[in-house]
N, C-alpha and C. Protein backbone atom coordinates (compact mmCIF):
# COMPACT_ATOMS: atom_id res chain seq x y z
N MET A 1 -18.39 26.51 1.53
CA MET A 1 -16.97 26.26 1.76
C MET A 1 -16.68 26.32 3.26
N LEU A 2 -15.80 25.46 3.69
CA LEU A 2 -15.40 25.38 5.09
C LEU A 2 -14.41 26.51 5.40
N SER A 3 -14.66 27.25 6.48
CA SER A 3 -13.72 28.32 6.85
C SER A 3 -12.47 27.69 7.46
N VAL A 4 -11.39 28.46 7.47
CA VAL A 4 -10.13 27.98 8.04
C VAL A 4 -10.30 27.61 9.52
N PRO A 5 -10.92 28.47 10.35
CA PRO A 5 -11.10 28.08 11.76
C PRO A 5 -11.95 26.82 11.92
N ASP A 6 -13.04 26.70 11.12
CA ASP A 6 -13.88 25.50 11.21
C ASP A 6 -13.10 24.26 10.79
N PHE A 7 -12.29 24.41 9.74
CA PHE A 7 -11.46 23.29 9.28
C PHE A 7 -10.52 22.85 10.40
N LEU A 8 -9.86 23.81 11.02
CA LEU A 8 -8.91 23.48 12.09
C LEU A 8 -9.60 22.82 13.28
N ARG A 9 -10.77 23.35 13.65
CA ARG A 9 -11.52 22.73 14.76
C ARG A 9 -11.91 21.30 14.42
N LEU A 10 -12.23 21.06 13.17
CA LEU A 10 -12.66 19.73 12.74
C LEU A 10 -11.49 18.74 12.73
N VAL A 11 -10.35 19.14 12.20
CA VAL A 11 -9.26 18.19 12.02
C VAL A 11 -8.33 18.07 13.22
N VAL A 12 -8.55 18.85 14.27
CA VAL A 12 -7.69 18.75 15.44
C VAL A 12 -7.88 17.41 16.16
N ASP A 13 -8.97 16.72 15.93
CA ASP A 13 -9.23 15.43 16.53
C ASP A 13 -8.34 14.36 15.89
N PRO A 14 -7.60 13.58 16.67
CA PRO A 14 -6.68 12.58 16.09
C PRO A 14 -7.37 11.53 15.21
N LEU A 15 -8.57 11.12 15.58
CA LEU A 15 -9.26 10.12 14.77
C LEU A 15 -9.67 10.70 13.42
N ARG A 16 -10.20 11.92 13.43
CA ARG A 16 -10.58 12.56 12.16
C ARG A 16 -9.35 12.81 11.29
N LEU A 17 -8.26 13.16 11.92
CA LEU A 17 -7.02 13.36 11.18
C LEU A 17 -6.54 12.05 10.57
N ALA A 18 -6.67 10.95 11.31
CA ALA A 18 -6.31 9.63 10.79
C ALA A 18 -7.19 9.26 9.61
N VAL A 19 -8.48 9.57 9.70
CA VAL A 19 -9.40 9.28 8.59
C VAL A 19 -8.98 10.08 7.35
N LEU A 20 -8.67 11.36 7.53
CA LEU A 20 -8.23 12.17 6.40
C LEU A 20 -6.94 11.64 5.80
N GLY A 21 -6.02 11.21 6.67
CA GLY A 21 -4.77 10.63 6.17
C GLY A 21 -5.03 9.38 5.35
N ALA A 22 -5.93 8.52 5.83
CA ALA A 22 -6.27 7.31 5.07
C ALA A 22 -6.95 7.68 3.76
N ALA A 23 -7.81 8.69 3.78
CA ALA A 23 -8.53 9.11 2.58
C ALA A 23 -7.60 9.71 1.54
N ALA A 24 -6.45 10.22 1.97
CA ALA A 24 -5.47 10.77 1.03
C ALA A 24 -4.86 9.68 0.17
N HIS A 25 -4.90 8.44 0.67
CA HIS A 25 -4.31 7.31 -0.07
C HIS A 25 -5.33 6.55 -0.88
N GLY A 26 -6.60 6.78 -0.66
CA GLY A 26 -7.66 6.07 -1.39
C GLY A 26 -8.89 5.98 -0.52
N PRO A 27 -9.85 5.17 -0.93
CA PRO A 27 -11.06 5.05 -0.12
C PRO A 27 -10.72 4.57 1.29
N VAL A 28 -11.37 5.16 2.29
CA VAL A 28 -11.09 4.83 3.68
C VAL A 28 -11.57 3.41 3.99
N ASP A 29 -10.68 2.62 4.56
CA ASP A 29 -11.04 1.29 5.07
C ASP A 29 -11.37 1.49 6.55
N ILE A 30 -12.65 1.47 6.85
CA ILE A 30 -13.13 1.79 8.20
C ILE A 30 -12.51 0.86 9.24
N ASP A 31 -12.50 -0.43 8.95
CA ASP A 31 -11.96 -1.40 9.91
C ASP A 31 -10.46 -1.19 10.14
N ALA A 32 -9.73 -0.86 9.07
CA ALA A 32 -8.28 -0.65 9.21
C ALA A 32 -8.00 0.59 10.07
N VAL A 33 -8.76 1.66 9.86
CA VAL A 33 -8.56 2.87 10.66
C VAL A 33 -8.92 2.59 12.11
N ALA A 34 -10.03 1.87 12.32
CA ALA A 34 -10.44 1.54 13.69
C ALA A 34 -9.36 0.74 14.40
N ALA A 35 -8.80 -0.25 13.72
CA ALA A 35 -7.74 -1.08 14.32
C ALA A 35 -6.50 -0.24 14.61
N ALA A 36 -6.11 0.61 13.66
CA ALA A 36 -4.91 1.42 13.82
C ALA A 36 -5.05 2.42 14.96
N MET A 37 -6.27 2.92 15.16
CA MET A 37 -6.50 3.94 16.18
C MET A 37 -7.01 3.35 17.50
N GLY A 38 -7.21 2.03 17.55
CA GLY A 38 -7.65 1.39 18.78
C GLY A 38 -9.05 1.80 19.20
N THR A 39 -9.94 1.91 18.24
CA THR A 39 -11.32 2.28 18.53
C THR A 39 -12.26 1.38 17.74
N ASP A 40 -13.55 1.59 17.89
CA ASP A 40 -14.50 0.73 17.18
C ASP A 40 -14.89 1.35 15.85
N ALA A 41 -15.35 0.51 14.93
CA ALA A 41 -15.71 0.93 13.58
C ALA A 41 -16.87 1.93 13.60
N GLY A 42 -17.78 1.81 14.57
CA GLY A 42 -18.89 2.75 14.66
C GLY A 42 -18.43 4.17 14.87
N ARG A 43 -17.44 4.35 15.74
CA ARG A 43 -16.91 5.70 15.99
C ARG A 43 -16.23 6.25 14.74
N VAL A 44 -15.49 5.37 14.05
CA VAL A 44 -14.84 5.80 12.80
C VAL A 44 -15.91 6.24 11.80
N GLN A 45 -16.97 5.45 11.70
CA GLN A 45 -18.07 5.77 10.77
C GLN A 45 -18.69 7.13 11.11
N ARG A 46 -18.88 7.43 12.40
CA ARG A 46 -19.43 8.72 12.79
C ARG A 46 -18.51 9.87 12.38
N GLU A 47 -17.21 9.68 12.57
CA GLU A 47 -16.26 10.74 12.20
C GLU A 47 -16.20 10.90 10.68
N ILE A 48 -16.34 9.81 9.97
CA ILE A 48 -16.40 9.90 8.50
C ILE A 48 -17.62 10.73 8.10
N GLY A 49 -18.74 10.52 8.80
CA GLY A 49 -19.94 11.30 8.53
C GLY A 49 -19.71 12.79 8.75
N ARG A 50 -19.01 13.14 9.82
CA ARG A 50 -18.70 14.55 10.08
C ARG A 50 -17.83 15.14 8.97
N LEU A 51 -16.80 14.39 8.58
CA LEU A 51 -15.88 14.88 7.56
C LEU A 51 -16.57 14.99 6.20
N ALA A 52 -17.41 14.01 5.88
CA ALA A 52 -18.16 14.05 4.62
C ALA A 52 -19.15 15.21 4.64
N GLY A 53 -19.80 15.40 5.78
CA GLY A 53 -20.75 16.50 5.92
C GLY A 53 -20.09 17.86 5.76
N ALA A 54 -18.84 17.96 6.13
CA ALA A 54 -18.09 19.21 5.99
C ALA A 54 -17.51 19.37 4.58
N GLY A 55 -17.69 18.34 3.74
CA GLY A 55 -17.22 18.42 2.36
C GLY A 55 -15.78 18.01 2.15
N LEU A 56 -15.17 17.38 3.15
CA LEU A 56 -13.75 16.99 3.03
C LEU A 56 -13.55 15.61 2.42
N LEU A 57 -14.62 14.81 2.36
CA LEU A 57 -14.54 13.48 1.77
C LEU A 57 -15.53 13.38 0.61
N THR A 58 -15.12 12.66 -0.42
CA THR A 58 -16.01 12.41 -1.56
C THR A 58 -16.96 11.27 -1.18
N PRO A 59 -18.02 11.05 -1.96
CA PRO A 59 -18.95 9.95 -1.65
C PRO A 59 -18.28 8.57 -1.58
N ASP A 60 -17.17 8.39 -2.31
CA ASP A 60 -16.47 7.10 -2.25
C ASP A 60 -15.37 7.08 -1.17
N LEU A 61 -15.45 8.03 -0.22
CA LEU A 61 -14.57 8.12 0.96
C LEU A 61 -13.11 8.39 0.62
N ARG A 62 -12.91 9.22 -0.38
CA ARG A 62 -11.57 9.71 -0.71
C ARG A 62 -11.48 11.17 -0.26
N LEU A 63 -10.27 11.63 -0.06
CA LEU A 63 -10.05 13.02 0.32
C LEU A 63 -10.46 13.92 -0.84
N ASP A 64 -11.24 14.94 -0.57
CA ASP A 64 -11.62 15.91 -1.60
C ASP A 64 -10.54 16.98 -1.64
N ILE A 65 -9.61 16.81 -2.56
CA ILE A 65 -8.45 17.70 -2.67
C ILE A 65 -8.89 19.14 -2.93
N GLU A 66 -9.91 19.33 -3.73
CA GLU A 66 -10.38 20.69 -4.02
C GLU A 66 -10.88 21.38 -2.75
N ALA A 67 -11.53 20.65 -1.88
CA ALA A 67 -12.01 21.24 -0.62
C ALA A 67 -10.83 21.70 0.23
N ILE A 68 -9.78 20.89 0.27
CA ILE A 68 -8.57 21.26 1.02
C ILE A 68 -7.92 22.49 0.38
N ARG A 69 -7.87 22.51 -0.95
CA ARG A 69 -7.29 23.66 -1.64
C ARG A 69 -8.11 24.92 -1.38
N ASP A 70 -9.44 24.78 -1.32
CA ASP A 70 -10.28 25.94 -1.01
C ASP A 70 -9.94 26.51 0.36
N VAL A 71 -9.72 25.63 1.34
CA VAL A 71 -9.34 26.09 2.67
C VAL A 71 -7.99 26.80 2.60
N ALA A 72 -7.05 26.23 1.85
CA ALA A 72 -5.72 26.84 1.73
C ALA A 72 -5.81 28.21 1.07
N ARG A 73 -6.67 28.33 0.05
CA ARG A 73 -6.83 29.62 -0.61
C ARG A 73 -7.47 30.66 0.31
N ALA A 74 -8.19 30.20 1.31
CA ALA A 74 -8.85 31.11 2.24
C ALA A 74 -7.88 31.65 3.30
N LEU A 75 -6.68 31.10 3.36
CA LEU A 75 -5.70 31.62 4.31
C LEU A 75 -5.33 33.05 3.96
N PRO A 76 -5.05 33.87 4.93
CA PRO A 76 -4.68 35.26 4.63
C PRO A 76 -3.44 35.32 3.75
N ALA A 77 -3.49 36.21 2.76
CA ALA A 77 -2.38 36.33 1.81
C ALA A 77 -1.15 37.00 2.43
N ASP A 78 -1.33 37.73 3.50
CA ASP A 78 -0.20 38.45 4.07
C ASP A 78 0.53 37.66 5.15
N THR A 79 0.30 36.35 5.18
CA THR A 79 0.99 35.51 6.14
C THR A 79 2.49 35.52 5.84
N PRO A 80 3.32 35.85 6.81
CA PRO A 80 4.76 35.85 6.55
C PRO A 80 5.28 34.41 6.41
N VAL A 81 6.46 34.31 5.86
CA VAL A 81 7.08 33.01 5.71
C VAL A 81 7.28 32.38 7.10
N ASP A 82 7.07 31.08 7.17
CA ASP A 82 7.28 30.35 8.42
C ASP A 82 8.77 30.41 8.75
N PRO A 83 9.13 30.90 9.95
CA PRO A 83 10.56 31.01 10.30
C PRO A 83 11.30 29.69 10.21
N ASP A 84 10.64 28.57 10.50
CA ASP A 84 11.30 27.27 10.39
C ASP A 84 11.67 26.95 8.95
N LEU A 85 10.91 27.49 8.01
CA LEU A 85 11.16 27.21 6.59
C LEU A 85 12.48 27.83 6.14
N VAL A 86 12.83 28.96 6.70
CA VAL A 86 14.05 29.65 6.27
C VAL A 86 15.17 29.52 7.31
N ASP A 87 14.96 28.67 8.31
CA ASP A 87 16.00 28.41 9.29
C ASP A 87 16.98 27.43 8.66
N GLY A 88 18.22 27.74 8.66
CA GLY A 88 19.18 26.81 8.09
C GLY A 88 20.30 27.52 7.37
N PRO A 89 20.76 26.90 6.31
CA PRO A 89 21.98 27.38 5.66
C PRO A 89 21.78 28.53 4.67
N TRP A 90 20.83 29.42 4.93
CA TRP A 90 20.51 30.47 3.97
C TRP A 90 21.13 31.79 4.39
N THR A 91 21.62 32.52 3.40
CA THR A 91 22.13 33.87 3.67
C THR A 91 20.95 34.82 3.85
N GLY A 92 21.23 36.00 4.31
CA GLY A 92 20.18 37.00 4.48
C GLY A 92 19.48 37.31 3.16
N ASP A 93 20.25 37.43 2.08
CA ASP A 93 19.66 37.71 0.76
C ASP A 93 18.78 36.54 0.31
N GLU A 94 19.21 35.31 0.58
CA GLU A 94 18.42 34.14 0.19
C GLU A 94 17.12 34.07 0.99
N VAL A 95 17.17 34.41 2.27
CA VAL A 95 15.96 34.43 3.10
C VAL A 95 14.98 35.46 2.53
N GLU A 96 15.50 36.60 2.10
CA GLU A 96 14.65 37.63 1.53
C GLU A 96 13.95 37.13 0.26
N VAL A 97 14.69 36.44 -0.59
CA VAL A 97 14.10 35.89 -1.82
C VAL A 97 13.06 34.82 -1.47
N LEU A 98 13.41 33.91 -0.58
CA LEU A 98 12.47 32.86 -0.19
C LEU A 98 11.20 33.45 0.41
N SER A 99 11.36 34.52 1.17
CA SER A 99 10.21 35.16 1.81
C SER A 99 9.24 35.76 0.80
N ARG A 100 9.73 36.07 -0.39
CA ARG A 100 8.85 36.60 -1.43
C ARG A 100 7.99 35.51 -2.08
N PHE A 101 8.43 34.26 -1.97
CA PHE A 101 7.72 33.18 -2.66
C PHE A 101 6.97 32.24 -1.74
N PHE A 102 7.13 32.39 -0.44
CA PHE A 102 6.43 31.54 0.51
C PHE A 102 5.55 32.40 1.42
N ARG A 103 4.36 31.89 1.72
CA ARG A 103 3.47 32.47 2.73
C ARG A 103 3.21 31.34 3.71
N GLY A 104 3.61 31.54 4.95
CA GLY A 104 3.55 30.42 5.88
C GLY A 104 4.53 29.37 5.39
N ARG A 105 4.02 28.18 5.12
CA ARG A 105 4.86 27.10 4.55
C ARG A 105 4.48 26.81 3.10
N ARG A 106 3.58 27.63 2.52
CA ARG A 106 3.10 27.38 1.17
C ARG A 106 3.87 28.22 0.16
N LEU A 107 4.20 27.59 -0.94
CA LEU A 107 4.82 28.28 -2.07
C LEU A 107 3.71 29.00 -2.83
N THR A 108 3.86 30.30 -3.03
CA THR A 108 2.79 31.06 -3.70
C THR A 108 2.89 30.96 -5.21
N SER A 109 4.10 30.83 -5.74
CA SER A 109 4.30 30.67 -7.17
C SER A 109 5.71 30.13 -7.40
N ILE A 110 5.88 29.51 -8.56
CA ILE A 110 7.21 29.04 -8.95
C ILE A 110 7.90 30.19 -9.66
N PRO A 111 9.04 30.63 -9.15
CA PRO A 111 9.71 31.77 -9.78
C PRO A 111 10.05 31.50 -11.24
N SER A 112 9.89 32.52 -12.07
CA SER A 112 10.27 32.37 -13.48
C SER A 112 11.76 32.62 -13.68
N ALA A 113 12.34 33.46 -12.84
CA ALA A 113 13.79 33.71 -12.93
C ALA A 113 14.53 32.46 -12.47
N HIS A 114 15.45 31.99 -13.30
CA HIS A 114 16.13 30.72 -13.04
C HIS A 114 16.84 30.69 -11.69
N ALA A 115 17.57 31.73 -11.34
CA ALA A 115 18.33 31.74 -10.08
C ALA A 115 17.38 31.66 -8.88
N LYS A 116 16.26 32.37 -8.94
CA LYS A 116 15.29 32.33 -7.84
C LYS A 116 14.60 30.97 -7.78
N ARG A 117 14.29 30.41 -8.96
CA ARG A 117 13.68 29.08 -8.99
C ARG A 117 14.63 28.05 -8.39
N LEU A 118 15.92 28.14 -8.71
CA LEU A 118 16.90 27.21 -8.14
C LEU A 118 16.93 27.30 -6.62
N LEU A 119 16.85 28.51 -6.10
CA LEU A 119 16.86 28.70 -4.65
C LEU A 119 15.62 28.08 -4.02
N VAL A 120 14.46 28.30 -4.61
CA VAL A 120 13.22 27.71 -4.09
C VAL A 120 13.31 26.18 -4.15
N LEU A 121 13.81 25.65 -5.26
CA LEU A 121 13.95 24.19 -5.37
C LEU A 121 14.94 23.65 -4.35
N GLU A 122 16.01 24.39 -4.13
CA GLU A 122 16.99 23.96 -3.13
C GLU A 122 16.37 23.93 -1.74
N ARG A 123 15.48 24.88 -1.46
CA ARG A 123 14.78 24.84 -0.17
C ARG A 123 13.84 23.65 -0.09
N LEU A 124 13.12 23.38 -1.17
CA LEU A 124 12.17 22.27 -1.16
C LEU A 124 12.87 20.92 -1.02
N VAL A 125 14.03 20.78 -1.63
CA VAL A 125 14.72 19.48 -1.55
C VAL A 125 15.21 19.19 -0.14
N GLN A 126 15.24 20.22 0.72
CA GLN A 126 15.61 19.99 2.11
C GLN A 126 14.60 19.09 2.82
N GLU A 127 13.41 18.94 2.25
CA GLU A 127 12.38 18.08 2.84
C GLU A 127 12.67 16.60 2.62
N PHE A 128 13.65 16.30 1.79
CA PHE A 128 14.00 14.91 1.48
C PHE A 128 15.33 14.56 2.14
N GLU A 129 15.36 13.45 2.84
CA GLU A 129 16.56 13.03 3.55
C GLU A 129 17.56 12.41 2.57
N PRO A 130 18.81 12.86 2.61
CA PRO A 130 19.83 12.22 1.77
C PRO A 130 19.94 10.74 2.13
N GLY A 131 20.06 9.91 1.13
CA GLY A 131 20.22 8.47 1.36
C GLY A 131 18.92 7.68 1.40
N LEU A 132 17.78 8.37 1.53
CA LEU A 132 16.50 7.66 1.56
C LEU A 132 15.91 7.59 0.17
N ARG A 133 15.16 6.54 -0.10
CA ARG A 133 14.46 6.36 -1.38
C ARG A 133 12.98 6.66 -1.15
N TYR A 134 12.37 7.33 -2.11
CA TYR A 134 10.96 7.72 -2.02
C TYR A 134 10.24 7.24 -3.27
N ASP A 135 9.06 6.64 -3.09
CA ASP A 135 8.28 6.33 -4.29
C ASP A 135 7.58 7.62 -4.73
N GLU A 136 7.04 7.61 -5.95
CA GLU A 136 6.47 8.83 -6.50
C GLU A 136 5.33 9.38 -5.66
N ARG A 137 4.53 8.49 -5.08
CA ARG A 137 3.42 8.94 -4.24
C ARG A 137 3.93 9.73 -3.04
N GLU A 138 5.03 9.28 -2.42
CA GLU A 138 5.60 10.00 -1.28
C GLU A 138 6.14 11.37 -1.69
N VAL A 139 6.81 11.41 -2.84
CA VAL A 139 7.34 12.68 -3.35
C VAL A 139 6.18 13.64 -3.60
N ASN A 140 5.13 13.14 -4.24
CA ASN A 140 3.97 13.99 -4.52
C ASN A 140 3.35 14.52 -3.24
N PHE A 141 3.21 13.66 -2.25
CA PHE A 141 2.61 14.08 -0.98
C PHE A 141 3.42 15.19 -0.33
N ILE A 142 4.73 15.03 -0.27
CA ILE A 142 5.59 16.03 0.35
C ILE A 142 5.49 17.36 -0.40
N LEU A 143 5.53 17.29 -1.73
CA LEU A 143 5.53 18.52 -2.52
C LEU A 143 4.17 19.22 -2.51
N GLN A 144 3.08 18.45 -2.45
CA GLN A 144 1.78 19.12 -2.46
C GLN A 144 1.48 19.82 -1.13
N LEU A 145 2.25 19.52 -0.11
CA LEU A 145 2.13 20.29 1.12
C LEU A 145 2.58 21.73 0.90
N PHE A 146 3.40 21.93 -0.13
CA PHE A 146 3.93 23.26 -0.42
C PHE A 146 3.22 23.95 -1.58
N TYR A 147 2.76 23.17 -2.58
CA TYR A 147 2.24 23.79 -3.80
C TYR A 147 1.31 22.81 -4.50
N ALA A 148 0.22 23.33 -5.04
CA ALA A 148 -0.79 22.47 -5.67
C ALA A 148 -0.24 21.72 -6.89
N ASP A 149 0.60 22.37 -7.70
CA ASP A 149 1.14 21.71 -8.89
C ASP A 149 2.43 20.98 -8.51
N TYR A 150 2.25 19.91 -7.72
CA TYR A 150 3.41 19.14 -7.25
C TYR A 150 4.14 18.46 -8.39
N ALA A 151 3.43 18.14 -9.48
CA ALA A 151 4.08 17.48 -10.61
C ALA A 151 5.12 18.40 -11.25
N ALA A 152 4.79 19.69 -11.36
CA ALA A 152 5.75 20.64 -11.91
C ALA A 152 6.98 20.75 -11.00
N LEU A 153 6.74 20.83 -9.69
CA LEU A 153 7.87 20.88 -8.75
C LEU A 153 8.74 19.64 -8.87
N ARG A 154 8.11 18.49 -8.96
CA ARG A 154 8.86 17.23 -9.07
C ARG A 154 9.72 17.24 -10.34
N ARG A 155 9.13 17.68 -11.45
CA ARG A 155 9.90 17.73 -12.71
C ARG A 155 11.08 18.69 -12.59
N TYR A 156 10.82 19.88 -12.02
CA TYR A 156 11.91 20.84 -11.84
C TYR A 156 13.02 20.26 -10.96
N LEU A 157 12.64 19.61 -9.87
CA LEU A 157 13.64 19.04 -8.96
C LEU A 157 14.51 18.00 -9.67
N VAL A 158 13.90 17.20 -10.53
CA VAL A 158 14.65 16.19 -11.28
C VAL A 158 15.48 16.87 -12.37
N ASP A 159 14.86 17.78 -13.13
CA ASP A 159 15.57 18.45 -14.23
C ASP A 159 16.78 19.23 -13.75
N GLU A 160 16.69 19.81 -12.55
CA GLU A 160 17.79 20.62 -12.03
C GLU A 160 18.78 19.80 -11.20
N GLY A 161 18.58 18.50 -11.10
CA GLY A 161 19.54 17.63 -10.42
C GLY A 161 19.43 17.58 -8.91
N PHE A 162 18.32 18.08 -8.35
CA PHE A 162 18.12 18.01 -6.91
C PHE A 162 17.61 16.64 -6.48
N LEU A 163 16.81 16.01 -7.35
CA LEU A 163 16.34 14.64 -7.14
C LEU A 163 16.70 13.84 -8.38
N THR A 164 16.96 12.56 -8.17
CA THR A 164 17.19 11.64 -9.28
C THR A 164 16.09 10.60 -9.25
N ARG A 165 15.67 10.15 -10.44
CA ARG A 165 14.59 9.18 -10.55
C ARG A 165 15.05 8.00 -11.38
N ALA A 166 14.71 6.81 -10.91
CA ALA A 166 14.94 5.58 -11.67
C ALA A 166 13.90 4.56 -11.24
N ASP A 167 13.23 3.96 -12.20
CA ASP A 167 12.23 2.92 -11.94
C ASP A 167 11.17 3.36 -10.93
N GLY A 168 10.73 4.62 -11.04
CA GLY A 168 9.67 5.11 -10.17
C GLY A 168 10.11 5.43 -8.75
N VAL A 169 11.40 5.40 -8.50
CA VAL A 169 11.94 5.68 -7.17
C VAL A 169 12.80 6.95 -7.27
N TYR A 170 12.67 7.81 -6.27
CA TYR A 170 13.39 9.08 -6.25
C TYR A 170 14.32 9.11 -5.04
N TRP A 171 15.42 9.83 -5.19
CA TRP A 171 16.31 10.08 -4.06
C TRP A 171 16.99 11.43 -4.28
N ARG A 172 17.38 12.01 -3.15
CA ARG A 172 18.00 13.33 -3.17
C ARG A 172 19.43 13.24 -3.65
N THR A 173 19.76 14.09 -4.64
CA THR A 173 21.13 14.11 -5.17
C THR A 173 21.69 15.52 -5.23
N GLY A 174 20.97 16.48 -4.69
CA GLY A 174 21.44 17.87 -4.75
C GLY A 174 21.00 18.65 -3.54
N GLY A 175 21.43 19.89 -3.52
CA GLY A 175 21.06 20.78 -2.42
C GLY A 175 22.08 20.74 -1.31
N ARG A 176 22.02 21.76 -0.50
CA ARG A 176 22.94 21.88 0.63
C ARG A 176 22.61 20.86 1.71
N VAL A 177 23.64 20.42 2.36
CA VAL A 177 23.49 19.56 3.52
C VAL A 177 24.19 20.27 4.66
N GLU A 178 23.42 20.57 5.71
CA GLU A 178 24.02 21.27 6.85
C GLU A 178 24.98 20.37 7.59
N ALA A 179 26.10 20.93 7.98
CA ALA A 179 27.04 20.18 8.82
C ALA A 179 26.46 20.10 10.22
N PRO A 180 26.64 18.99 10.89
CA PRO A 180 26.13 18.89 12.26
C PRO A 180 26.79 19.94 13.16
N GLU A 181 26.01 20.48 14.07
CA GLU A 181 26.56 21.48 14.99
C GLU A 181 27.53 20.83 15.95
N GLU A 182 28.65 21.52 16.19
CA GLU A 182 29.63 21.01 17.15
C GLU A 182 29.21 21.39 18.55
N GLU A 183 29.46 20.49 19.48
CA GLU A 183 29.09 20.75 20.87
C GLU A 183 30.25 21.34 21.63
């Protein structure tokens, strides 16, 4: 298994990060990544070799989600909540509740208590811009940044009225919207 520091050293390179981003959508198209990054296909191929050698890519050049999850599980459990995550329209009591369910920017569990679950969902829906439409793949990507079972989060967000879905397209319909700061 790749250690967290080794993972970070590996993915800090913009080209390797671009390869991983492409692999998250499906098999990596070497020529497309090379064109997008303004480099040659040989260099992309070498970086793919490094990422595959580290276990981050499958043999068919897709992102190995389990390898990423293993790295996430290796993060220290006592990581405090990311201050940016609780910056915003939250009361002190709400920040305290959110801090119990987030480590860094990751959700540790979905609260079973309805009121706490609603608060966590309200925080997660802040990641979606009001007025924008998202396809299911985009919603899944955003939510899996927070929690492995993104499908459960997506269902909860829809069931509780934070997101609305029609014809495979989602949009934000709930949650607080901060008023712009006055100058």
